[in-house]
PDB file of all heavy atoms in Angstrom:
ATOM      1  N   THR A   1      33.787  70.484 121.174  1.00  0.00           N
ATOM      2  CA  THR A   1      34.864  69.820 120.453  1.00  0.00           C
ATOM      3  C   THR A   1      35.658  68.959 121.435  1.00  0.00           C
ATOM      4  O   THR A   1      35.516  69.076 122.652  1.00  0.00           O
ATOM      5  CB  THR A   1      35.805  70.839 119.787  1.00  0.00           C
ATOM      6  OG1 THR A   1      36.371  71.695 120.794  1.00  0.00           O
ATOM      7  CG2 THR A   1      35.076  71.669 118.749  1.00  0.00           C
ATOM      8  N   ALA A   2      36.503  68.084 120.889  1.00  0.00           N
ATOM      9  CA  ALA A   2      37.335  67.196 121.702  1.00  0.00           C
ATOM     10  C   ALA A   2      38.728  67.148 121.102  1.00  0.00           C
ATOM     11  O   ALA A   2      38.880  67.102 119.881  1.00  0.00           O
ATOM     12  CB  ALA A   2      36.736  65.791 121.758  1.00  0.00           C
ATOM     13  N   GLY A   3      39.726  67.158 121.948  1.00  0.00           N
ATOM     14  CA  GLY A   3      41.094  67.153 121.462  1.00  0.00           C
ATOM     15  C   GLY A   3      41.483  65.851 120.792  1.00  0.00           C
ATOM     16  O   GLY A   3      42.334  65.826 119.898  1.00  0.00           O
ATOM     17  N   THR A   4      40.859  64.756 121.221  1.00  0.00           N
ATOM     18  CA  THR A   4      41.168  63.438 120.658  1.00  0.00           C
ATOM     19  C   THR A   4      39.884  62.644 120.494  1.00  0.00           C
ATOM     20  O   THR A   4      39.042  62.606 121.392  1.00  0.00           O
ATOM     21  CB  THR A   4      42.110  62.648 121.582  1.00  0.00           C
ATOM     22  OG1 THR A   4      43.278  63.428 121.871  1.00  0.00           O
ATOM     23  CG2 THR A   4      42.536  61.338 120.932  1.00  0.00           C
ATOM     24  N   ILE A   5      39.732  62.020 119.335  1.00  0.00           N
ATOM     25  CA  ILE A   5      38.654  61.060 119.107  1.00  0.00           C
ATOM     26  C   ILE A   5      39.305  59.753 118.678  1.00  0.00           C
ATOM     27  O   ILE A   5      40.192  59.751 117.818  1.00  0.00           O
ATOM     28  CB  ILE A   5      37.655  61.557 118.057  1.00  0.00           C
ATOM     29  CG1 ILE A   5      36.979  62.847 118.541  1.00  0.00           C
ATOM     30  CG2 ILE A   5      36.603  60.492 117.753  1.00  0.00           C
ATOM     31  CD1 ILE A   5      35.995  63.454 117.537  1.00  0.00           C
ATOM     32  N   ILE A   6      38.890  58.653 119.308  1.00  0.00           N
ATOM     33  CA  ILE A   6      39.462  57.349 118.984  1.00  0.00           C
ATOM     34  C   ILE A   6      38.338  56.387 118.601  1.00  0.00           C
ATOM     35  O   ILE A   6      37.180  56.574 118.965  1.00  0.00           O
ATOM     36  CB  ILE A   6      40.280  56.763 120.155  1.00  0.00           C
ATOM     37  CG1 ILE A   6      39.368  56.428 121.347  1.00  0.00           C
ATOM     38  CG2 ILE A   6      41.395  57.717 120.568  1.00  0.00           C
ATOM     39  CD1 ILE A   6      40.064  55.660 122.454  1.00  0.00           C
ATOM     40  N   SER A   7      38.705  55.344 117.870  1.00  0.00           N
ATOM     41  CA  SER A   7      37.776  54.257 117.560  1.00  0.00           C
ATOM     42  C   SER A   7      38.615  53.026 117.252  1.00  0.00           C
ATOM     43  O   SER A   7      39.336  53.007 116.261  1.00  0.00           O
ATOM     44  CB  SER A   7      36.882  54.615 116.367  1.00  0.00           C
ATOM     45  OG  SER A   7      35.944  53.586 116.128  1.00  0.00           O
ATOM     46  N   VAL A   8      38.530  52.024 118.115  1.00  0.00           N
ATOM     47  CA  VAL A   8      39.380  50.849 117.956  1.00  0.00           C
ATOM     48  C   VAL A   8      38.534  49.578 117.896  1.00  0.00           C
ATOM     49  O   VAL A   8      37.315  49.624 117.942  1.00  0.00           O
ATOM     50  CB  VAL A   8      40.422  50.753 119.092  1.00  0.00           C
ATOM     51  CG1 VAL A   8      41.345  51.952 119.071  1.00  0.00           C
ATOM     52  CG2 VAL A   8      39.746  50.616 120.442  1.00  0.00           C
ATOM     53  N   CYS A   9      39.233  48.447 117.801  1.00  0.00           N
ATOM     54  CA  CYS A   9      38.586  47.129 117.708  1.00  0.00           C
ATOM     55  C   CYS A   9      37.678  47.077 116.473  1.00  0.00           C
ATOM     56  O   CYS A   9      36.557  46.587 116.526  1.00  0.00           O
ATOM     57  CB  CYS A   9      37.817  46.795 118.978  1.00  0.00           C
ATOM     58  SG  CYS A   9      37.653  45.019 119.283  1.00  0.00           S
ATOM     59  N   ASP A  10      38.185  47.601 115.353  1.00  0.00           N
ATOM     60  CA  ASP A  10      37.564  47.579 114.023  1.00  0.00           C
ATOM     61  C   ASP A  10      36.116  48.069 113.992  1.00  0.00           C
ATOM     62  O   ASP A  10      35.317  47.600 113.180  1.00  0.00           O
ATOM     63  CB  ASP A  10      37.680  46.179 113.367  1.00  0.00           C
ATOM     64  CG  ASP A  10      37.246  45.016 114.251  1.00  0.00           C
ATOM     65  OD1 ASP A  10      36.025  44.776 114.378  1.00  0.00           O
ATOM     66  OD2 ASP A  10      38.124  44.359 114.820  1.00  0.00           O
ATOM     67  N   SER A  11      35.778  49.023 114.825  1.00  0.00           N
ATOM     68  CA  SER A  11      34.408  49.551 114.822  1.00  0.00           C
ATOM     69  C   SER A  11      34.022  50.162 113.476  1.00  0.00           C
ATOM     70  O   SER A  11      32.871  50.027 113.034  1.00  0.00           O
ATOM     71  CB  SER A  11      34.255  50.604 115.925  1.00  0.00           C
ATOM     72  OG  SER A  11      34.359  50.026 117.204  1.00  0.00           O
ATOM     73  N   VAL A  12      34.967  50.841 112.811  1.00  0.00           N
ATOM     74  CA  VAL A  12      34.619  51.509 111.557  1.00  0.00           C
ATOM     75  C   VAL A  12      34.323  50.510 110.447  1.00  0.00           C
ATOM     76  O   VAL A  12      33.684  50.868 109.442  1.00  0.00           O
ATOM     77  CB  VAL A  12      35.729  52.491 111.104  1.00  0.00           C
ATOM     78  CG1 VAL A  12      35.970  53.558 112.162  1.00  0.00           C
ATOM     79  CG2 VAL A  12      37.010  51.765 110.745  1.00  0.00           C
ATOM     80  N   ASN A  13      34.749  49.253 110.598  1.00  0.00           N
ATOM     81  CA  ASN A  13      34.443  48.249 109.577  1.00  0.00           C
ATOM     82  C   ASN A  13      32.957  47.919 109.510  1.00  0.00           C
ATOM     83  O   ASN A  13      32.491  47.311 108.541  1.00  0.00           O
ATOM     84  CB  ASN A  13      35.239  46.967 109.811  1.00  0.00           C
ATOM     85  CG  ASN A  13      36.718  47.115 109.516  1.00  0.00           C
ATOM     86  OD1 ASN A  13      37.521  47.293 110.426  1.00  0.00           O
ATOM     87  ND2 ASN A  13      37.085  47.050 108.242  1.00  0.00           N
ATOM     88  N   TYR A  14      32.206  48.297 110.550  1.00  0.00           N
ATOM     89  CA  TYR A  14      30.758  48.083 110.517  1.00  0.00           C
ATOM     90  C   TYR A  14      30.056  49.056 109.578  1.00  0.00           C
ATOM     91  O   TYR A  14      28.866  48.891 109.286  1.00  0.00           O
ATOM     92  CB  TYR A  14      30.170  48.201 111.925  1.00  0.00           C
ATOM     93  CG  TYR A  14      30.343  46.937 112.739  1.00  0.00           C
ATOM     94  CD1 TYR A  14      31.386  46.812 113.646  1.00  0.00           C
ATOM     95  CD2 TYR A  14      29.468  45.863 112.585  1.00  0.00           C
ATOM     96  CE1 TYR A  14      31.561  45.648 114.387  1.00  0.00           C
ATOM     97  CE2 TYR A  14      29.626  44.697 113.315  1.00  0.00           C
ATOM     98  CZ  TYR A  14      30.670  44.588 114.217  1.00  0.00           C
ATOM     99  OH  TYR A  14      30.837  43.437 114.939  1.00  0.00           O
ATOM    100  N   LEU A  15      30.762  50.078 109.112  1.00  0.00           N
ATOM    101  CA  LEU A  15      30.204  50.984 108.114  1.00  0.00           C
ATOM    102  C   LEU A  15      30.438  50.356 106.743  1.00  0.00           C
ATOM    103  O   LEU A  15      31.573  50.255 106.280  1.00  0.00           O
ATOM    104  CB  LEU A  15      30.869  52.356 108.216  1.00  0.00           C
ATOM    105  CG  LEU A  15      30.702  53.057 109.576  1.00  0.00           C
ATOM    106  CD1 LEU A  15      31.393  54.407 109.563  1.00  0.00           C
ATOM    107  CD2 LEU A  15      29.235  53.210 109.937  1.00  0.00           C
ATOM    108  N   LEU A  16      29.370  49.924 106.100  1.00  0.00           N
ATOM    109  CA  LEU A  16      29.474  49.090 104.904  1.00  0.00           C
ATOM    110  C   LEU A  16      29.549  49.886 103.608  1.00  0.00           C
ATOM    111  O   LEU A  16      29.892  49.331 102.573  1.00  0.00           O
ATOM    112  CB  LEU A  16      28.287  48.118 104.838  1.00  0.00           C
ATOM    113  CG  LEU A  16      28.081  47.232 106.076  1.00  0.00           C
ATOM    114  CD1 LEU A  16      26.925  46.273 105.849  1.00  0.00           C
ATOM    115  CD2 LEU A  16      29.352  46.470 106.431  1.00  0.00           C
ATOM    116  N   GLU A  17      29.212  51.166 103.670  1.00  0.00           N
ATOM    117  CA  GLU A  17      29.262  52.010 102.483  1.00  0.00           C
ATOM    118  C   GLU A  17      30.338  53.077 102.659  1.00  0.00           C
ATOM    119  O   GLU A  17      30.453  53.687 103.725  1.00  0.00           O
ATOM    120  CB  GLU A  17      27.905  52.683 102.233  1.00  0.00           C
ATOM    121  CG  GLU A  17      26.749  51.715 102.024  1.00  0.00           C
ATOM    122  CD  GLU A  17      26.892  50.915 100.749  1.00  0.00           C
ATOM    123  OE1 GLU A  17      27.575  51.403  99.815  1.00  0.00           O
ATOM    124  OE2 GLU A  17      26.307  49.808 100.675  1.00  0.00           O
ATOM    125  N   LYS A  18      31.086  53.326 101.608  1.00  0.00           N
ATOM    126  CA  LYS A  18      32.162  54.312 101.691  1.00  0.00           C
ATOM    127  C   LYS A  18      31.634  55.699 102.049  1.00  0.00           C
ATOM    128  O   LYS A  18      32.282  56.434 102.799  1.00  0.00           O
ATOM    129  CB  LYS A  18      32.932  54.362 100.367  1.00  0.00           C
ATOM    130  CG  LYS A  18      33.753  53.104 100.086  1.00  0.00           C
ATOM    131  CD  LYS A  18      34.524  53.230  98.781  1.00  0.00           C
ATOM    132  CE  LYS A  18      35.336  51.969  98.505  1.00  0.00           C
ATOM    133  NZ  LYS A  18      36.088  52.058  97.231  1.00  0.00           N
ATOM    134  N   GLU A  19      30.463  56.056 101.525  1.00  0.00           N
ATOM    135  CA  GLU A  19      29.918  57.380 101.820  1.00  0.00           C
ATOM    136  C   GLU A  19      29.562  57.520 103.296  1.00  0.00           C
ATOM    137  O   GLU A  19      29.661  58.609 103.862  1.00  0.00           O
ATOM    138  CB  GLU A  19      28.701  57.663 100.942  1.00  0.00           C
ATOM    139  CG  GLU A  19      29.039  57.904  99.473  1.00  0.00           C
ATOM    140  CD  GLU A  19      30.086  58.998  99.282  1.00  0.00           C
ATOM    141  OE1 GLU A  19      29.955  60.058  99.940  1.00  0.00           O
ATOM    142  OE2 GLU A  19      31.021  58.789  98.495  1.00  0.00           O
ATOM    143  N   GLU A  20      29.140  56.409 103.934  1.00  0.00           N
ATOM    144  CA  GLU A  20      28.878  56.446 105.368  1.00  0.00           C
ATOM    145  C   GLU A  20      30.165  56.713 106.135  1.00  0.00           C
ATOM    146  O   GLU A  20      30.176  57.456 107.129  1.00  0.00           O
ATOM    147  CB  GLU A  20      28.279  55.123 105.833  1.00  0.00           C
ATOM    148  CG  GLU A  20      26.871  54.843 105.358  1.00  0.00           C
ATOM    149  CD  GLU A  20      26.330  53.542 105.910  1.00  0.00           C
ATOM    150  OE1 GLU A  20      27.114  52.586 106.087  1.00  0.00           O
ATOM    151  OE2 GLU A  20      25.119  53.477 106.187  1.00  0.00           O
ATOM    152  N   LEU A  21      31.237  56.099 105.673  1.00  0.00           N
ATOM    153  CA  LEU A  21      32.523  56.292 106.329  1.00  0.00           C
ATOM    154  C   LEU A  21      33.012  57.723 106.162  1.00  0.00           C
ATOM    155  O   LEU A  21      33.477  58.354 107.120  1.00  0.00           O
ATOM    156  CB  LEU A  21      33.535  55.298 105.749  1.00  0.00           C
ATOM    157  CG  LEU A  21      34.717  54.882 106.623  1.00  0.00           C
ATOM    158  CD1 LEU A  21      34.254  54.398 107.980  1.00  0.00           C
ATOM    159  CD2 LEU A  21      35.530  53.801 105.925  1.00  0.00           C
ATOM    160  N   VAL A  22      32.891  58.259 104.956  1.00  0.00           N
ATOM    161  CA  VAL A  22      33.315  59.638 104.705  1.00  0.00           C
ATOM    162  C   VAL A  22      32.518  60.612 105.562  1.00  0.00           C
ATOM    163  O   VAL A  22      33.079  61.529 106.177  1.00  0.00           O
ATOM    164  CB  VAL A  22      33.168  59.991 103.212  1.00  0.00           C
ATOM    165  CG1 VAL A  22      33.411  61.488 102.987  1.00  0.00           C
ATOM    166  CG2 VAL A  22      34.151  59.178 102.370  1.00  0.00           C
ATOM    167  N   GLU A  23      31.195  60.404 105.659  1.00  0.00           N
ATOM    168  CA  GLU A  23      30.362  61.296 106.455  1.00  0.00           C
ATOM    169  C   GLU A  23      30.723  61.205 107.937  1.00  0.00           C
ATOM    170  O   GLU A  23      30.756  62.220 108.645  1.00  0.00           O
ATOM    171  CB  GLU A  23      28.888  60.967 106.260  1.00  0.00           C
ATOM    172  CG  GLU A  23      27.932  61.841 107.061  1.00  0.00           C
ATOM    173  CD  GLU A  23      28.096  63.323 106.780  1.00  0.00           C
ATOM    174  OE1 GLU A  23      28.511  63.691 105.639  1.00  0.00           O
ATOM    175  OE2 GLU A  23      27.822  64.136 107.682  1.00  0.00           O
ATOM    176  N   THR A  24      31.005  60.000 108.415  1.00  0.00           N
ATOM    177  CA  THR A  24      31.433  59.838 109.809  1.00  0.00           C
ATOM    178  C   THR A  24      32.742  60.576 110.052  1.00  0.00           C
ATOM    179  O   THR A  24      32.908  61.269 111.068  1.00  0.00           O
ATOM    180  CB  THR A  24      31.596  58.349 110.150  1.00  0.00           C
ATOM    181  OG1 THR A  24      30.329  57.688 109.988  1.00  0.00           O
ATOM    182  CG2 THR A  24      32.078  58.159 111.579  1.00  0.00           C
ATOM    183  N   PHE A  25      33.687  60.447 109.120  1.00  0.00           N
ATOM    184  CA  PHE A  25      34.963  61.150 109.257  1.00  0.00           C
ATOM    185  C   PHE A  25      34.766  62.663 109.217  1.00  0.00           C
ATOM    186  O   PHE A  25      35.475  63.405 109.910  1.00  0.00           O
ATOM    187  CB  PHE A  25      35.921  60.716 108.151  1.00  0.00           C
ATOM    188  CG  PHE A  25      36.425  59.302 108.267  1.00  0.00           C
ATOM    189  CD1 PHE A  25      37.074  58.691 107.198  1.00  0.00           C
ATOM    190  CD2 PHE A  25      36.261  58.577 109.433  1.00  0.00           C
ATOM    191  CE1 PHE A  25      37.549  57.398 107.305  1.00  0.00           C
ATOM    192  CE2 PHE A  25      36.727  57.275 109.546  1.00  0.00           C
ATOM    193  CZ  PHE A  25      37.370  56.689 108.479  1.00  0.00           C
ATOM    194  N   ARG A  26      33.811  63.140 108.422  1.00  0.00           N
ATOM    195  CA  ARG A  26      33.535  64.578 108.376  1.00  0.00           C
ATOM    196  C   ARG A  26      33.011  65.070 109.723  1.00  0.00           C
ATOM    197  O   ARG A  26      33.371  66.154 110.199  1.00  0.00           O
ATOM    198  CB  ARG A  26      32.521  64.883 107.274  1.00  0.00           C
ATOM    199  CG  ARG A  26      33.111  64.860 105.874  1.00  0.00           C
ATOM    200  CD  ARG A  26      32.049  65.067 104.822  1.00  0.00           C
ATOM    201  NE  ARG A  26      32.648  65.121 103.481  1.00  0.00           N
ATOM    202  CZ  ARG A  26      32.017  64.782 102.370  1.00  0.00           C
ATOM    203  NH1 ARG A  26      30.747  64.381 102.433  1.00  0.00           N
ATOM    204  NH2 ARG A  26      32.619  64.857 101.200  1.00  0.00           N
ATOM    205  N   LEU A  27      32.147  64.262 110.331  1.00  0.00           N
ATOM    206  CA  LEU A  27      31.638  64.625 111.651  1.00  0.00           C
ATOM    207  C   LEU A  27      32.762  64.639 112.680  1.00  0.00           C
ATOM    208  O   LEU A  27      32.827  65.518 113.535  1.00  0.00           O
ATOM    209  CB  LEU A  27      30.542  63.640 112.070  1.00  0.00           C
ATOM    210  CG  LEU A  27      29.208  63.766 111.332  1.00  0.00           C
ATOM    211  CD1 LEU A  27      28.301  62.586 111.659  1.00  0.00           C
ATOM    212  CD2 LEU A  27      28.519  65.083 111.692  1.00  0.00           C
TER     213      LEU A  27
END
């Protein structure tokens, strides 16, 4: 596990489907 996870410079916008985004957030 990690105490902090970050993602900047609009990396998450490359996920084009909402379900992909939800699954990434679950991970």
